């Protein structure tokens, strides 16, 4: 039986990856943009969070803001 929290975490990570592709922003580019929002991220830390699906809600939202997205529809997550 799937774990609900894990499933949502994986969905959020997939959505953020898709948004990065749409915005043509690399993991390194996201790490640089997140610095403007007070995050001390590196390309490796972004890659690890997304590959393990261990992103927090505030990281997800800050990432969307950093790449210029106003939001994401929940039915698309």
N, C-alpha and C. Protein backbone atom coordinates (compact mmCIF):
# COMPACT_ATOMS: atom_id res chain seq x y z
N UNK A 1 0.85 -1.17 0.00
CA UNK A 1 0.00 0.00 0.00
C UNK A 1 0.91 1.25 0.00
N UNK A 2 0.65 2.22 -0.89
CA UNK A 2 1.49 3.42 -0.93
C UNK A 2 1.30 4.29 0.32
N UNK A 3 2.36 4.95 0.69
CA UNK A 3 2.31 5.86 1.82
C UNK A 3 1.86 7.22 1.29
N UNK A 4 0.73 7.78 1.78
CA UNK A 4 0.19 9.02 1.22
C UNK A 4 1.18 10.18 1.22
N UNK A 5 1.90 10.40 2.29
CA UNK A 5 2.84 11.51 2.35
C UNK A 5 3.95 11.36 1.32
N UNK A 6 4.45 10.16 1.16
CA UNK A 6 5.52 9.89 0.19
C UNK A 6 5.01 10.13 -1.24
N UNK A 7 3.79 9.70 -1.50
CA UNK A 7 3.21 9.90 -2.83
C UNK A 7 3.10 11.39 -3.15
N UNK A 8 2.64 12.18 -2.20
CA UNK A 8 2.51 13.63 -2.43
C UNK A 8 3.88 14.28 -2.60
N UNK A 9 4.86 13.82 -1.83
CA UNK A 9 6.22 14.36 -1.95
C UNK A 9 6.78 14.08 -3.33
N UNK A 10 6.55 12.88 -3.84
CA UNK A 10 7.03 12.53 -5.17
C UNK A 10 6.32 13.34 -6.24
N UNK A 11 5.03 13.57 -6.06
CA UNK A 11 4.27 14.37 -7.03
C UNK A 11 4.77 15.81 -7.04
N UNK A 12 5.05 16.36 -5.86
CA UNK A 12 5.55 17.74 -5.77
C UNK A 12 6.92 17.86 -6.43
N UNK A 13 7.78 16.87 -6.20
CA UNK A 13 9.12 16.89 -6.81
C UNK A 13 9.01 16.80 -8.33
N UNK A 14 8.14 15.93 -8.83
CA UNK A 14 7.95 15.82 -10.29
C UNK A 14 7.43 17.13 -10.87
N UNK A 15 6.50 17.77 -10.17
CA UNK A 15 5.93 19.03 -10.67
C UNK A 15 7.01 20.10 -10.71
N UNK A 16 7.84 20.19 -9.67
CA UNK A 16 8.89 21.19 -9.65
C UNK A 16 9.89 20.93 -10.77
N UNK A 17 10.24 19.68 -11.01
CA UNK A 17 11.14 19.36 -12.12
C UNK A 17 10.54 19.81 -13.45
N UNK A 18 9.25 19.57 -13.63
CA UNK A 18 8.58 19.99 -14.87
C UNK A 18 8.59 21.51 -15.01
N UNK A 19 8.35 22.21 -13.92
CA UNK A 19 8.36 23.67 -13.97
C UNK A 19 9.75 24.21 -14.28
N UNK A 20 10.78 23.56 -13.77
CA UNK A 20 12.15 23.96 -14.08
C UNK A 20 12.43 23.79 -15.57
N UNK A 21 11.97 22.70 -16.14
CA UNK A 21 12.16 22.47 -17.58
C UNK A 21 11.43 23.54 -18.38
N UNK A 22 10.18 23.81 -18.01
CA UNK A 22 9.41 24.85 -18.72
C UNK A 22 10.09 26.21 -18.65
N UNK A 23 10.67 26.51 -17.50
CA UNK A 23 11.32 27.81 -17.31
C UNK A 23 12.76 27.82 -17.85
N UNK A 24 13.21 26.64 -18.31
CA UNK A 24 14.58 26.49 -18.81
C UNK A 24 15.61 26.91 -17.76
N UNK A 25 15.38 26.42 -16.54
CA UNK A 25 16.25 26.71 -15.40
C UNK A 25 16.88 25.40 -14.94
N UNK A 26 18.19 25.40 -14.82
CA UNK A 26 18.92 24.22 -14.34
C UNK A 26 18.89 24.18 -12.82
N UNK A 27 19.35 23.07 -12.26
CA UNK A 27 19.46 22.97 -10.80
C UNK A 27 20.42 24.03 -10.27
N UNK A 28 21.51 24.24 -11.00
CA UNK A 28 22.47 25.27 -10.60
C UNK A 28 21.82 26.66 -10.66
N UNK A 29 21.05 26.89 -11.71
CA UNK A 29 20.35 28.17 -11.83
C UNK A 29 19.33 28.38 -10.72
N UNK A 30 18.63 27.31 -10.36
CA UNK A 30 17.67 27.41 -9.26
C UNK A 30 18.38 27.73 -7.95
N UNK A 31 19.50 27.06 -7.71
CA UNK A 31 20.27 27.31 -6.47
C UNK A 31 20.67 28.78 -6.39
N UNK A 32 21.12 29.33 -7.51
CA UNK A 32 21.51 30.74 -7.53
C UNK A 32 20.32 31.66 -7.27
N UNK A 33 19.20 31.37 -7.90
CA UNK A 33 18.00 32.19 -7.72
C UNK A 33 17.45 32.09 -6.31
N UNK A 34 17.59 30.92 -5.69
CA UNK A 34 17.09 30.75 -4.33
C UNK A 34 17.87 31.58 -3.31
N UNK A 35 19.11 31.90 -3.64
CA UNK A 35 19.90 32.75 -2.74
C UNK A 35 19.22 34.09 -2.53
N UNK A 36 18.55 34.59 -3.56
CA UNK A 36 17.83 35.86 -3.45
C UNK A 36 16.63 35.75 -2.50
N UNK A 37 16.22 34.53 -2.21
CA UNK A 37 15.09 34.28 -1.30
C UNK A 37 15.56 33.77 0.05
N UNK A 38 16.87 33.86 0.30
CA UNK A 38 17.40 33.50 1.61
C UNK A 38 17.77 32.04 1.79
N UNK A 39 17.82 31.27 0.72
CA UNK A 39 18.17 29.86 0.80
C UNK A 39 19.64 29.68 0.44
N UNK A 40 20.33 28.84 1.18
CA UNK A 40 21.74 28.53 0.89
C UNK A 40 21.78 27.16 0.24
N UNK A 41 21.44 27.10 -1.04
CA UNK A 41 21.40 25.84 -1.76
C UNK A 41 22.53 25.76 -2.77
N UNK A 42 22.88 24.56 -3.13
CA UNK A 42 23.85 24.30 -4.18
C UNK A 42 23.17 23.43 -5.24
N UNK A 43 23.82 23.28 -6.36
CA UNK A 43 23.29 22.40 -7.40
C UNK A 43 23.07 21.00 -6.83
N UNK A 44 24.04 20.51 -6.07
CA UNK A 44 23.95 19.17 -5.49
C UNK A 44 22.81 19.05 -4.49
N UNK A 45 22.60 20.06 -3.66
CA UNK A 45 21.53 19.97 -2.66
C UNK A 45 20.16 20.00 -3.33
N UNK A 46 20.03 20.81 -4.39
CA UNK A 46 18.76 20.84 -5.14
C UNK A 46 18.53 19.48 -5.79
N UNK A 47 19.55 18.94 -6.44
CA UNK A 47 19.43 17.64 -7.10
C UNK A 47 19.06 16.54 -6.11
N UNK A 48 19.69 16.55 -4.94
CA UNK A 48 19.39 15.54 -3.92
C UNK A 48 17.95 15.65 -3.43
N UNK A 49 17.49 16.86 -3.16
CA UNK A 49 16.12 17.04 -2.69
C UNK A 49 15.12 16.55 -3.72
N UNK A 50 15.37 16.88 -4.98
CA UNK A 50 14.42 16.48 -6.01
C UNK A 50 14.49 14.99 -6.32
N UNK A 51 15.67 14.41 -6.31
CA UNK A 51 15.77 12.98 -6.60
C UNK A 51 15.21 12.12 -5.47
N UNK A 52 15.33 12.60 -4.25
CA UNK A 52 14.81 11.85 -3.09
C UNK A 52 13.38 12.24 -2.74
N UNK A 53 12.87 13.29 -3.42
CA UNK A 53 11.53 13.81 -3.13
C UNK A 53 11.42 14.22 -1.67
N UNK A 54 12.42 14.97 -1.21
CA UNK A 54 12.43 15.45 0.17
C UNK A 54 12.36 16.96 0.22
N UNK A 55 11.55 17.55 -0.65
CA UNK A 55 11.41 19.00 -0.65
C UNK A 55 10.32 19.41 0.33
N UNK A 56 10.57 20.49 1.02
CA UNK A 56 9.56 21.01 1.95
C UNK A 56 8.61 21.94 1.19
N UNK A 57 7.51 22.26 1.82
CA UNK A 57 6.55 23.17 1.20
C UNK A 57 7.19 24.53 0.95
N UNK A 58 7.99 25.03 1.91
CA UNK A 58 8.58 26.35 1.72
C UNK A 58 9.64 26.32 0.62
N UNK A 59 10.35 25.21 0.45
CA UNK A 59 11.30 25.09 -0.65
C UNK A 59 10.57 25.07 -1.98
N UNK A 60 9.47 24.32 -2.05
CA UNK A 60 8.66 24.23 -3.26
C UNK A 60 8.14 25.61 -3.66
N UNK A 61 7.56 26.32 -2.71
CA UNK A 61 7.00 27.65 -3.01
C UNK A 61 8.08 28.66 -3.37
N UNK A 62 9.19 28.65 -2.65
CA UNK A 62 10.28 29.57 -2.95
C UNK A 62 10.87 29.27 -4.33
N UNK A 63 10.93 28.00 -4.68
CA UNK A 63 11.44 27.62 -5.99
C UNK A 63 10.53 28.13 -7.10
N UNK A 64 9.24 28.00 -6.91
CA UNK A 64 8.30 28.53 -7.90
C UNK A 64 8.47 30.04 -8.05
N UNK A 65 8.59 30.73 -6.93
CA UNK A 65 8.79 32.19 -6.97
C UNK A 65 10.11 32.53 -7.66
N UNK A 66 11.15 31.75 -7.38
CA UNK A 66 12.47 32.02 -7.93
C UNK A 66 12.51 31.87 -9.45
N UNK A 67 11.66 31.01 -9.99
CA UNK A 67 11.66 30.83 -11.44
C UNK A 67 10.52 31.61 -12.11
N UNK A 68 9.86 32.44 -11.32
CA UNK A 68 8.85 33.33 -11.88
C UNK A 68 7.48 32.72 -12.09
N UNK A 69 7.19 31.66 -11.39
CA UNK A 69 5.86 31.05 -11.49
C UNK A 69 4.97 31.63 -10.40
N UNK A 70 3.75 31.94 -10.76
CA UNK A 70 2.81 32.50 -9.79
C UNK A 70 2.20 31.42 -8.91
N UNK A 71 2.23 30.21 -9.38
CA UNK A 71 1.66 29.11 -8.62
C UNK A 71 1.52 27.89 -9.51
N UNK A 72 0.85 26.92 -9.00
CA UNK A 72 0.62 25.68 -9.74
C UNK A 72 -0.76 25.16 -9.35
N UNK A 73 -1.46 24.66 -10.34
CA UNK A 73 -2.79 24.10 -10.06
C UNK A 73 -2.63 22.76 -9.36
N UNK A 74 -3.41 22.54 -8.34
CA UNK A 74 -3.29 21.29 -7.58
C UNK A 74 -3.69 20.08 -8.41
N UNK A 75 -4.59 20.26 -9.37
CA UNK A 75 -4.96 19.11 -10.19
C UNK A 75 -3.84 18.75 -11.17
N UNK A 76 -2.80 19.58 -11.25
CA UNK A 76 -1.64 19.29 -12.09
C UNK A 76 -0.49 18.69 -11.30
N UNK A 77 -0.66 18.55 -10.00
CA UNK A 77 0.42 18.01 -9.16
C UNK A 77 0.28 16.51 -9.05
